[in-house]
Protein backbone atom coordinates (compact mmCIF):
# COMPACT_ATOMS: atom_id res chain seq x y z
CA MET A 1 -4.71 18.85 21.46
CA THR A 2 -1.33 17.10 20.91
CA SER A 3 1.05 17.99 18.08
CA LYS A 4 0.34 14.58 16.53
CA ASN A 5 -3.40 15.27 16.47
CA ARG A 6 -2.83 18.72 14.98
CA SER A 7 -0.71 17.13 12.21
CA THR A 8 -3.43 14.58 11.49
CA LYS A 9 -6.02 17.35 11.26
CA LYS A 10 -3.87 19.20 8.75
CA ALA A 11 -3.47 16.05 6.67
CA ARG A 12 -7.22 15.53 6.58
CA GLN A 13 -7.73 19.09 5.38
CA LEU A 14 -5.67 18.23 2.30
CA GLY A 15 -7.02 14.81 1.42
CA VAL A 16 -8.29 12.71 -1.46
CA ARG A 17 -11.63 11.18 -2.41
CA PHE A 18 -13.09 9.03 -5.16
CA ASP A 19 -15.86 10.28 -7.41
CA ARG A 20 -17.40 8.72 -10.50
CA ARG A 21 -14.36 9.70 -12.59
CA GLY A 22 -11.61 8.62 -10.24
CA LEU A 23 -9.37 9.86 -7.46
CA ARG A 24 -9.38 13.58 -6.79
CA LEU A 25 -7.93 16.12 -4.40
CA GLU A 26 -10.57 17.22 -1.90
CA GLY A 27 -11.67 20.67 -2.89
CA GLY A 28 -10.91 20.05 -6.57
CA GLY A 29 -8.21 21.27 -8.88
CA VAL A 30 -6.27 18.00 -9.33
CA SER A 31 -7.17 14.42 -10.24
CA PHE A 32 -4.79 11.49 -9.99
CA ASP A 33 -4.37 8.86 -12.72
CA GLY A 34 -7.96 9.17 -13.93
CA GLU A 35 -10.14 11.24 -16.21
CA GLY A 36 -10.67 14.12 -13.84
CA GLU A 37 -12.94 17.07 -14.46
CA GLY A 38 -11.56 20.58 -14.65
CA GLY A 39 -8.22 21.57 -13.17
CA VAL A 40 -5.41 19.23 -14.15
CA ALA A 41 -5.13 15.45 -14.37
CA PHE A 42 -1.85 14.11 -13.05
CA LEU A 43 -0.45 11.12 -14.98
CA SER A 44 2.06 9.20 -12.89
CA SER A 45 3.60 6.92 -15.53
CA ALA A 46 3.51 5.69 -19.11
CA LEU A 47 1.80 2.48 -17.93
CA VAL A 48 -1.36 4.31 -16.85
CA VAL A 49 -4.24 4.50 -19.31
CA MET A 50 -6.15 7.78 -19.36
CA ALA A 51 -9.15 8.81 -21.41
CA GLN A 52 -8.55 11.15 -24.32
CA GLY A 53 -10.09 14.58 -24.44
CA GLY A 54 -10.12 15.14 -20.68
CA PRO A 55 -8.69 18.03 -18.67
CA ARG A 56 -5.15 19.34 -18.97
CA VAL A 57 -2.66 16.58 -18.24
CA ILE A 58 0.51 17.15 -16.25
CA THR A 59 3.23 14.52 -16.36
CA SER A 60 7.01 14.16 -16.42
CA ASP A 61 8.91 15.08 -19.56
CA LEU A 62 10.17 11.48 -19.96
CA THR A 63 6.66 10.02 -19.61
CA ALA A 64 5.52 12.44 -22.32
CA ARG A 65 8.34 11.20 -24.58
CA LEU A 66 7.48 7.58 -23.90
CA LEU A 67 3.81 8.08 -24.77
CA GLY A 68 4.34 10.41 -27.73
CA ALA A 69 1.17 11.05 -29.74
CA ARG A 70 -0.81 8.69 -27.48
CA LEU A 71 -0.72 11.33 -24.75
CA GLY A 72 -2.17 14.29 -26.60
CA PRO A 73 -1.76 17.86 -25.32
CA ALA A 74 -0.01 17.91 -21.95
CA LEU A 75 2.20 19.95 -19.70
CA ALA A 76 5.44 17.95 -19.57
CA THR A 77 7.72 19.10 -16.80
CA PRO A 78 11.07 18.03 -15.33
CA PHE A 79 11.30 16.70 -11.80
CA PHE A 80 11.76 19.18 -8.93
CA ARG A 81 10.34 22.22 -10.80
CA PRO A 82 7.54 23.89 -8.74
CA LEU A 83 4.36 24.90 -10.58
CA LEU A 84 1.43 27.00 -9.44
CA LEU A 85 -2.22 26.04 -9.99
CA GLY A 86 -4.27 28.76 -8.37
CA GLN A 87 -3.28 28.55 -4.70
CA LEU A 88 -1.84 25.05 -5.08
CA GLU A 89 1.91 24.55 -5.40
CA LEU A 90 2.65 21.40 -7.41
CA GLU A 91 5.93 19.60 -7.93
CA LEU A 92 6.83 16.31 -9.63
CA LEU A 93 9.29 13.96 -7.91
CA PRO A 94 10.66 10.62 -9.16
CA SER A 95 8.66 7.63 -7.90
CA GLY A 96 11.04 5.16 -9.52
CA PHE A 97 8.38 2.63 -10.58
CA VAL A 98 9.26 2.82 -14.28
CA PRO A 99 11.30 5.28 -16.34
CA GLY A 100 9.60 8.68 -16.13
CA ALA A 101 7.29 7.64 -13.29
CA ALA A 102 6.46 10.51 -10.94
CA ALA A 103 4.94 11.32 -7.59
CA LEU A 104 3.02 14.58 -7.20
CA SER A 105 3.62 16.91 -4.25
CA VAL A 106 0.73 19.27 -3.49
CA ARG A 107 1.12 22.14 -1.01
CA LEU A 108 -1.51 24.58 0.21
CA GLU A 109 -1.12 27.11 3.02
CA GLY A 110 1.57 25.13 4.79
CA LYS A 111 -0.19 21.77 4.40
CA SER A 112 1.23 19.08 2.13
CA LEU A 113 0.06 15.93 0.38
CA LEU A 114 2.24 13.54 -1.61
CA TYR A 115 0.58 11.20 -4.10
CA SER A 116 3.24 8.62 -4.84
CA GLY A 117 1.08 6.11 -6.68
CA HIS A 118 3.20 3.02 -7.26
CA LEU A 119 6.77 3.14 -5.98
CA GLY A 120 9.45 0.98 -7.52
CA ARG A 121 12.91 0.47 -8.91
CA GLY A 122 12.22 0.07 -12.64
CA ALA A 123 13.81 3.45 -13.35
CA ALA A 124 16.96 2.56 -11.40
CA LEU A 125 17.33 -0.64 -13.45
CA LEU A 126 18.11 1.66 -16.39
CA GLY A 127 20.30 4.12 -14.49
CA LEU A 128 17.54 6.70 -14.01
CA PRO A 129 16.70 8.52 -10.74
CA PRO A 130 15.19 6.33 -8.01
CA ALA A 131 12.18 7.20 -5.85
CA ALA A 132 12.70 10.49 -4.01
CA PRO A 133 10.76 10.81 -0.72
CA ARG A 134 9.51 14.21 0.43
CA ARG A 135 8.41 15.35 3.88
CA CYS A 136 4.60 15.59 3.86
CA ASP A 137 1.56 15.61 6.16
CA HIS A 138 -0.41 13.11 4.07
CA LEU A 139 1.06 10.33 1.90
CA VAL A 140 -1.11 8.50 -0.65
CA LEU A 141 0.18 5.16 -1.98
CA ARG A 142 -0.90 2.31 -4.24
CA PRO A 143 1.31 -0.32 -2.62
CA ILE A 144 2.29 -3.51 -4.42
CA ALA A 145 2.20 -6.58 -2.19
CA ALA A 146 5.85 -6.81 -1.19
CA GLU A 147 6.55 -9.44 1.47
CA PRO A 148 8.72 -9.02 4.57
CA GLY A 149 12.01 -10.87 4.35
CA PHE A 150 12.21 -10.91 0.54
CA HIS A 151 15.09 -8.84 -0.81
CA CYS A 152 15.87 -8.12 -4.45
CA PRO A 153 19.56 -8.90 -5.08
CA PRO A 154 21.81 -6.49 -7.01
CA THR A 155 20.72 -6.07 -10.63
CA GLU A 156 24.05 -7.34 -11.98
CA GLU A 157 23.62 -10.63 -10.09
CA THR A 158 20.15 -11.17 -11.49
CA ILE A 159 21.24 -10.32 -15.04
CA CYS A 160 23.89 -13.07 -14.77
CA GLN A 161 21.15 -15.53 -13.80
CA VAL A 162 19.04 -14.48 -16.79
CA LEU A 163 22.03 -14.94 -19.11
CA GLU A 164 22.70 -18.43 -17.75
CA PHE A 165 19.05 -19.35 -18.31
CA ALA A 166 19.19 -18.02 -21.88
CA HIS A 167 22.44 -19.88 -22.65
CA ARG A 168 20.97 -23.19 -21.43
CA ALA A 169 17.84 -22.66 -23.50
CA ARG A 170 19.87 -21.88 -26.62
CA ARG A 171 21.94 -25.05 -26.15
CA ASP A 172 18.65 -26.98 -25.99
CA GLY A 173 17.41 -25.33 -29.20
CA SER A 174 14.64 -23.43 -27.42
CA VAL A 175 13.26 -19.94 -27.88
CA VAL A 176 13.76 -17.79 -24.75
CA LEU A 177 10.55 -15.96 -23.82
CA LEU A 178 10.98 -13.36 -21.06
CA HIS A 179 7.74 -12.02 -19.57
CA GLY A 180 7.62 -8.80 -17.55
CA HIS A 181 6.27 -5.27 -17.34
CA PRO A 182 6.42 -3.71 -20.81
CA LEU A 183 8.56 -0.87 -19.43
CA GLY A 184 11.53 -1.37 -17.11
CA PRO A 185 12.98 -4.87 -16.59
CA LEU A 186 12.66 -6.05 -20.19
CA GLN A 187 14.62 -3.05 -21.47
CA ALA A 188 17.19 -3.58 -18.69
CA ALA A 189 17.74 -7.18 -19.82
CA ALA A 190 18.00 -6.37 -23.54
CA SER A 191 21.51 -4.87 -23.74
CA PRO A 192 23.28 -7.60 -21.69
CA LEU A 193 21.58 -10.27 -23.80
CA GLN A 194 22.70 -8.63 -27.02
CA ALA A 195 26.22 -8.21 -25.67
CA ALA A 196 26.21 -11.96 -24.97
CA GLY A 197 25.45 -12.65 -28.64
CA PHE A 198 21.70 -13.22 -28.54
CA GLN A 199 19.28 -12.01 -31.17
CA VAL A 200 16.62 -10.05 -29.26
CA ARG A 201 13.18 -9.14 -30.54
CA ALA A 202 10.31 -7.51 -28.65
CA HIS A 203 6.53 -7.44 -28.72
CA ARG A 204 5.25 -4.12 -30.08
CA GLN A 205 4.08 -3.01 -26.60
CA VAL A 206 7.64 -3.43 -25.34
CA HIS A 207 9.44 -2.30 -28.49
CA ARG A 208 7.71 1.10 -28.65
CA PHE A 209 9.58 2.28 -25.55
CA PHE A 210 13.10 1.61 -26.85
CA GLY A 211 13.29 4.61 -29.21
CA PRO A 212 12.12 7.24 -26.67
CA LEU A 213 14.44 5.82 -24.00
CA ARG A 214 17.42 5.99 -26.34
CA ALA A 215 16.47 9.55 -27.27
CA ALA A 216 16.46 10.37 -23.54
CA GLY A 217 20.04 9.13 -23.23
CA VAL A 218 19.46 5.61 -21.91
CA ALA A 219 21.99 3.15 -23.34
CA LEU A 220 20.01 0.40 -25.07
CA GLY A 221 20.73 -2.01 -27.86
CA GLN A 222 19.00 -2.01 -31.23
CA VAL A 223 16.19 -4.42 -30.42
CA THR A 224 13.90 -5.17 -33.35
CA ARG A 225 10.14 -5.55 -33.26
CA PHE A 226 8.87 -9.13 -33.37
CA GLU A 227 7.27 -10.17 -36.64
CA GLY A 228 6.82 -13.53 -38.29
CA GLU A 229 7.89 -16.65 -36.42
CA PRO A 230 10.25 -17.22 -33.46
CA VAL A 231 13.70 -18.63 -34.14
CA ALA A 232 15.39 -21.20 -31.93
CA GLY A 233 18.01 -19.60 -29.71
CA GLU A 234 16.66 -16.06 -29.89
CA VAL A 235 15.21 -14.04 -27.00
CA LEU A 236 11.72 -12.56 -27.13
CA LEU A 237 10.71 -9.78 -24.74
CA TRP A 238 7.02 -10.16 -23.98
CA PRO A 239 4.55 -8.14 -21.85
CA LEU A 240 2.55 -9.77 -19.11
CA GLU A 241 -0.82 -11.24 -20.06
CA ARG A 242 0.06 -11.38 -23.75
CA SER A 243 0.31 -14.78 -25.38
CA LEU A 244 2.58 -15.63 -28.31
CA ARG A 245 0.35 -16.45 -31.27
CA LEU A 246 1.93 -18.20 -34.22
CA SER A 247 0.37 -18.04 -37.65
CA GLY A 248 2.25 -20.88 -39.30
CA ARG A 249 4.31 -23.72 -37.92
CA ARG A 250 3.92 -25.55 -34.65
CA GLU A 251 5.23 -23.70 -31.63
CA PRO A 252 8.95 -24.42 -31.20
CA PRO A 253 10.32 -25.43 -27.77
CA MET A 254 9.96 -22.47 -25.39
CA ALA A 255 11.91 -21.62 -22.24
CA ARG A 256 9.69 -19.14 -20.41
CA ALA A 257 10.84 -16.96 -17.50
CA LEU A 258 9.14 -14.22 -15.51
CA LEU A 259 10.96 -11.03 -14.51
CA THR A 260 9.40 -9.69 -11.29
CA GLY A 261 10.38 -8.00 -8.08
CA LEU A 262 7.85 -10.09 -6.12
CA ARG A 263 8.63 -13.28 -4.22
CA PRO A 264 8.36 -16.20 -6.67
CA SER A 265 5.55 -18.64 -5.92
CA SER A 266 3.88 -21.53 -7.69
CA GLU A 267 0.72 -19.42 -8.06
CA LEU A 268 2.62 -16.52 -9.63
CA LEU A 269 4.44 -18.80 -12.04
CA ALA A 270 1.25 -20.64 -12.98
CA ALA A 271 -0.54 -17.36 -13.66
CA SER A 272 2.26 -16.23 -15.98
CA GLY A 273 2.76 -19.62 -17.67
CA CYS A 274 6.47 -19.51 -16.80
CA GLU A 275 8.73 -22.22 -15.42
CA VAL A 276 11.03 -19.93 -13.45
CA SER A 277 11.22 -16.33 -12.26
CA PHE A 278 14.10 -13.91 -11.73
CA PRO A 279 14.05 -10.98 -9.25
CA LEU A 280 14.31 -8.27 -11.89
CA GLY A 281 11.20 -6.14 -11.68
CA ASN A 282 9.74 -2.71 -11.11
CA GLU A 283 8.62 -3.46 -7.55
CA LEU A 284 10.34 -2.22 -4.38
CA ASP A 285 10.96 -4.80 -1.68
CA PHE A 286 9.29 -4.50 1.72
CA GLU A 287 12.13 -2.80 3.59
CA ALA A 288 12.53 -0.20 0.85
CA LEU A 289 8.81 0.64 1.00
CA VAL A 290 8.96 1.11 4.77
CA ALA A 291 12.09 3.25 4.46
CA TYR A 292 10.38 5.51 1.87
CA VAL A 293 7.38 6.10 4.12
CA GLU A 294 9.59 6.79 7.13
CA ALA A 295 11.59 9.33 5.12
CA CYS A 296 8.35 11.17 4.23
CA ARG A 297 7.43 11.39 7.94
CA PRO A 298 3.67 11.63 7.26
CA ALA A 299 1.05 12.03 9.97
CA LEU A 300 -1.34 9.99 7.81
CA VAL A 301 -0.86 7.37 5.09
CA THR A 302 -3.72 6.45 2.76
CA PHE A 303 -3.50 3.12 0.95
CA LEU A 304 -5.49 2.78 -2.27
CA GLY A 305 -6.95 -0.60 -3.17
CA ALA A 306 -6.15 -3.82 -1.29
CA ARG A 307 -4.88 -3.35 2.26
CA PRO A 308 -1.25 -4.49 2.66
CA GLN A 309 -1.53 -5.93 6.16
CA ALA A 310 2.18 -6.51 6.78
CA LEU A 311 3.01 -2.96 5.70
CA GLU A 312 0.19 -1.59 7.84
CA ARG A 313 1.56 -3.39 10.90
CA ALA A 314 5.09 -2.16 10.24
CA LEU A 315 3.97 1.46 9.94
CA ASP A 316 1.62 1.24 12.91
CA ASP A 317 4.55 0.03 15.01
CA ARG A 318 6.31 3.25 14.00
CA GLY A 319 3.40 5.41 15.15
CA ILE A 320 2.18 6.31 11.64
CA ARG A 321 -1.57 6.59 11.24
CA ILE A 322 -3.05 4.46 8.43
CA GLU A 323 -6.31 4.56 6.48
CA ALA A 324 -7.42 2.55 3.46
CA LEU A 325 -9.51 3.91 0.63
CA GLY A 326 -10.97 1.05 -1.39
CA LEU A 327 -11.41 1.44 -5.11
CA PRO A 328 -15.04 1.92 -6.23
CA ALA A 329 -16.33 -1.20 -7.93
CA GLN A 330 -17.01 0.62 -11.20
CA LEU A 331 -13.45 1.89 -11.51
CA PRO A 332 -10.56 -0.05 -13.06
CA LEU A 333 -7.47 -0.57 -10.92
CA GLY A 334 -6.23 2.99 -11.06
CA GLY A 335 -6.56 3.09 -14.84
CA LEU A 336 -3.54 0.79 -15.08
CA ALA A 337 -2.63 -0.99 -18.25
CA ARG A 338 -3.50 -4.68 -18.09
CA GLY A 339 0.13 -5.71 -17.99
CA GLU A 340 0.75 -3.67 -14.86
CA ALA A 341 -2.36 -4.84 -13.05
CA GLY A 342 -1.40 -8.44 -13.62
CA LEU A 343 1.14 -8.46 -10.78
CA LEU A 344 -0.85 -6.54 -8.20
C-alpha cells in the first residue's frame, strides 16, 4: 500500500456523514452547523441559523458577541486554543468568511479533519484575521462558486468605486441602496461613506452587528438603524433578499448596487435588483481557494452541496483526492441565513 493510500485511509477513518439532523462527525461527538444530538454542535459563523435548545454549542468568542442572547448557552473560545472532548482534540481557527467565522480542527489518535465551512475575506475587510489553513488528512468545505480568472482588487480600490457611485447618486437626488451580506462588506463600506459626508442608515439585520463589532475593537462609524422613510442623498445598507418597503410616500429615485466577491453577471444583478455590482464581498476568489487547500495538504477533500467543477479540476491536477457529499433534500443549505444562501 502506498503512502498516499494510507493517508486516504486515515482520512476516511475520521470522516463526516449526514443524518436527519445535519452533518456530523462519523462516530459522533461533534455536529457541524446543524442541530446535532449529544456531544457539541459547532457553529461556524453568526450567519448560520441553529435551532434553540440543542446540544452544547461551541463557537468563537466574537461570533458569540455578535449573536448575543440569540445564541443561548455556549462555549465561546478564542482561536488557536485547544480543547478536549473525550478523546477528541478540538481547536478553532479563523475561516475569514465573516467577522468571527471559524473552522474547526478535529484530531484523534494522529488523524485530523478540518471542517472549514465557508472560507472568505469578510473578516479581513474589517482588519480581522484572515483564513488560517491547517495541515490535515481530511478537509471539508462548503465552497462558494468562485470562477477562475476573476480576482478581487484591493479593498481600498473598491471602496473608491463605491464612493464615486454614491457621489453620482447624491448629485442626481437619489437614495443609495447598497445590498450585501448583512455581516462583512456593508460594515466595511460604512466608515468611508460617513467620512465622505454621507448619512448612513442600516436595516435592522445589518445594524445589530455594529455594536458588538465596535465592542470587539473594530473601528466603525455610528450608523443608525433605518426607520421611517429614505432621504435623497443618504446611503442605506441593506441585506440580500430584503426589499425596501415604504409606508407612506412614493419610492424616491434609487441607485442600487450589489457588494459581492463573485464575478458580476446580468443574472446576478437581475436576481438582486441592482444596476451595478462592486467586488467587495465575503467570498474568496478562485486562486485564494486553491491556495488554502494546497496549504492544508489534505489526502481527501469533501465538498458539501453543489460540486464546483473548476475547483475539482484544479485540485485533481494537484493530485488531491475529491469527493462530494450532497445535501439531503430535507435539509436547508447548511442552516444558512437566507441572506447568505442568496449568493451560493
